Protein backbone atom coordinates (compact mmCIF):
# COMPACT_ATOMS: atom_id res chain seq x y z
CA MET A 1 14.38 -33.18 4.45
CA GLU A 2 13.93 -30.40 1.96
CA ARG A 3 13.52 -26.87 3.30
CA GLU A 4 10.54 -24.69 2.46
CA ASP A 5 10.92 -21.94 -0.10
CA LEU A 6 11.73 -18.52 1.29
CA GLY A 7 8.74 -16.99 -0.51
CA ALA A 8 6.34 -19.48 1.05
CA LEU A 9 7.74 -18.92 4.53
CA LEU A 10 7.64 -15.15 4.19
CA ALA A 11 4.10 -15.23 2.76
CA GLN A 12 2.88 -17.28 5.73
CA LEU A 13 4.58 -14.95 8.17
CA MET A 14 3.24 -11.83 6.41
CA ARG A 15 -0.31 -13.16 6.59
CA ARG A 16 0.09 -13.71 10.33
CA VAL A 17 1.60 -10.26 10.83
CA MET A 18 -1.07 -8.52 8.76
CA GLU A 19 -3.88 -10.35 10.58
CA ALA A 20 -2.36 -9.35 13.91
CA GLU A 21 -1.83 -5.73 12.79
CA ARG A 22 -5.35 -5.23 11.45
CA PRO A 23 -7.06 -4.75 14.84
CA ILE A 24 -4.24 -2.46 15.99
CA LEU A 25 -4.59 -0.28 12.91
CA ASP A 26 -8.39 -0.30 13.21
CA ALA A 27 -8.14 0.84 16.84
CA GLN A 28 -5.94 3.73 15.72
CA GLY A 29 -8.24 4.63 12.82
CA LEU A 30 -5.59 3.81 10.22
CA SER A 31 -5.45 1.65 7.13
CA MET A 32 -2.31 -0.29 6.29
CA TRP A 33 -1.50 2.29 3.62
CA GLY A 34 -2.24 5.17 6.00
CA TYR A 35 0.24 3.65 8.44
CA ALA A 36 2.78 3.29 5.60
CA VAL A 37 2.36 6.98 4.75
CA LEU A 38 2.81 8.13 8.35
CA SER A 39 5.82 5.85 8.82
CA ARG A 40 7.50 7.14 5.68
CA LEU A 41 6.83 10.77 6.56
CA ALA A 42 8.42 10.19 9.97
CA ASP A 43 11.57 9.01 8.17
CA GLN A 44 11.53 11.90 5.68
CA PRO A 45 9.18 14.62 6.90
CA ILE A 46 8.71 16.58 3.67
CA GLN A 47 8.47 15.16 0.17
CA THR A 48 6.28 15.49 -2.87
CA GLN A 49 3.17 13.39 -3.30
CA GLN A 50 4.74 11.66 -6.30
CA ALA A 51 7.91 10.82 -4.34
CA LEU A 52 5.79 9.55 -1.45
CA ALA A 53 3.78 7.23 -3.72
CA LYS A 54 6.99 5.83 -5.18
CA ALA A 55 8.62 5.42 -1.76
CA ILE A 56 5.78 3.33 -0.35
CA GLY A 57 4.99 1.49 -3.59
CA TYR A 58 1.48 2.89 -3.86
CA ASP A 59 -0.39 3.89 -7.01
CA LYS A 60 -0.01 7.68 -7.25
CA SER A 61 -3.52 8.05 -8.67
CA ARG A 62 -4.93 6.48 -5.48
CA LEU A 63 -2.70 8.45 -3.12
CA ILE A 64 -4.72 11.68 -3.18
CA PRO A 65 -7.87 10.21 -1.52
CA LEU A 66 -5.66 8.52 1.09
CA LEU A 67 -3.87 11.80 1.84
CA ASP A 68 -7.25 13.60 1.93
CA THR A 69 -8.42 11.21 4.67
CA LEU A 70 -5.20 11.53 6.68
CA GLU A 71 -5.34 15.31 6.36
CA GLN A 72 -9.02 15.43 7.41
CA ASP A 73 -8.07 13.34 10.46
CA GLY A 74 -5.45 15.97 11.33
CA LEU A 75 -2.52 13.59 10.86
CA LEU A 76 -0.67 15.43 8.09
CA THR A 77 -0.55 18.70 6.20
CA ARG A 78 -0.04 19.40 2.51
CA GLN A 79 1.36 22.67 1.27
CA PRO A 80 2.28 23.84 -2.22
CA ASP A 81 5.97 23.18 -2.83
CA PRO A 82 7.70 26.59 -2.96
CA THR A 83 10.03 25.34 -5.70
CA ASP A 84 7.34 23.69 -7.85
CA ARG A 85 3.78 24.99 -7.61
CA ARG A 86 2.45 21.84 -9.29
CA ALA A 87 3.73 19.73 -6.38
CA HIS A 88 2.81 19.58 -2.71
CA THR A 89 5.02 18.92 0.28
CA ILE A 90 3.63 16.68 2.99
CA ALA A 91 4.45 16.67 6.70
CA LEU A 92 3.19 14.97 9.82
CA THR A 93 1.28 17.03 12.33
CA PRO A 94 1.90 16.60 16.06
CA GLU A 95 -1.27 14.43 16.13
CA GLY A 96 0.11 12.36 13.25
CA THR A 97 3.37 11.87 15.12
CA ALA A 98 1.51 10.85 18.29
CA ARG A 99 -0.78 8.46 16.43
CA LEU A 100 2.19 6.88 14.65
CA LYS A 101 4.06 6.49 17.94
CA ALA A 102 1.08 4.80 19.62
CA THR A 103 0.55 2.53 16.63
CA LYS A 104 4.21 1.53 16.43
CA SER A 105 4.25 0.78 20.14
CA ALA A 106 1.23 -1.51 19.86
CA ILE A 107 2.68 -3.20 16.77
CA HIS A 108 6.02 -3.78 18.50
CA THR A 109 4.19 -5.38 21.45
CA MET A 110 2.32 -7.65 19.03
CA GLU A 111 5.60 -8.55 17.32
CA GLU A 112 7.16 -9.50 20.63
CA ASP A 113 4.26 -11.88 21.24
CA LEU A 114 4.56 -13.28 17.71
CA LEU A 115 8.31 -13.79 18.09
CA ALA A 116 8.08 -15.22 21.61
CA PRO A 117 9.18 -18.71 20.46
CA LEU A 118 12.56 -17.23 19.44
CA THR A 119 15.45 -16.47 21.76
CA ALA A 120 16.67 -12.89 22.06
CA SER A 121 19.66 -13.79 19.91
CA GLN A 122 17.45 -15.34 17.23
CA LYS A 123 15.24 -12.23 17.17
CA GLN A 124 18.28 -10.01 16.78
CA THR A 125 19.64 -12.19 13.99
CA LEU A 126 16.26 -12.15 12.22
CA PHE A 127 16.03 -8.36 12.26
CA ILE A 128 19.64 -7.94 11.14
CA ALA A 129 19.16 -10.41 8.28
CA LEU A 130 15.90 -8.81 7.14
CA SER A 131 17.47 -5.33 7.29
CA ARG A 132 20.32 -6.48 5.05
CA LEU A 133 17.87 -7.81 2.46
CA LYS A 134 15.96 -4.53 2.11
CA PRO A 135 16.29 -2.85 -1.27
């Protein structure tokens, strides 16, 4: 029997994950891209808007309205970069950190349900393998 293509398997899994994440993100008042921004800022608290767009793979011309929304919701701050007045540094607020933590917790619970058919060892192997394939 021939195995399925990796792309097809990953696409099917991503659709399931995104469908399961949507209500979680909605409940937290976040879009998928808003969640990506908060997650990235938690990894690297201060970076320029251009660097942020590149890091999350988002069109930099569409980033400003997204950041405006997150800032209006009190989840992040933008300040002029002291080394380059044309750029802005971005950081999570305490509310942004709390919202991200609550969202991640709910997503991790959903993932445990999704991965329930796997043994603990299989789950660990999956996450290790996926981590090694990251760019």
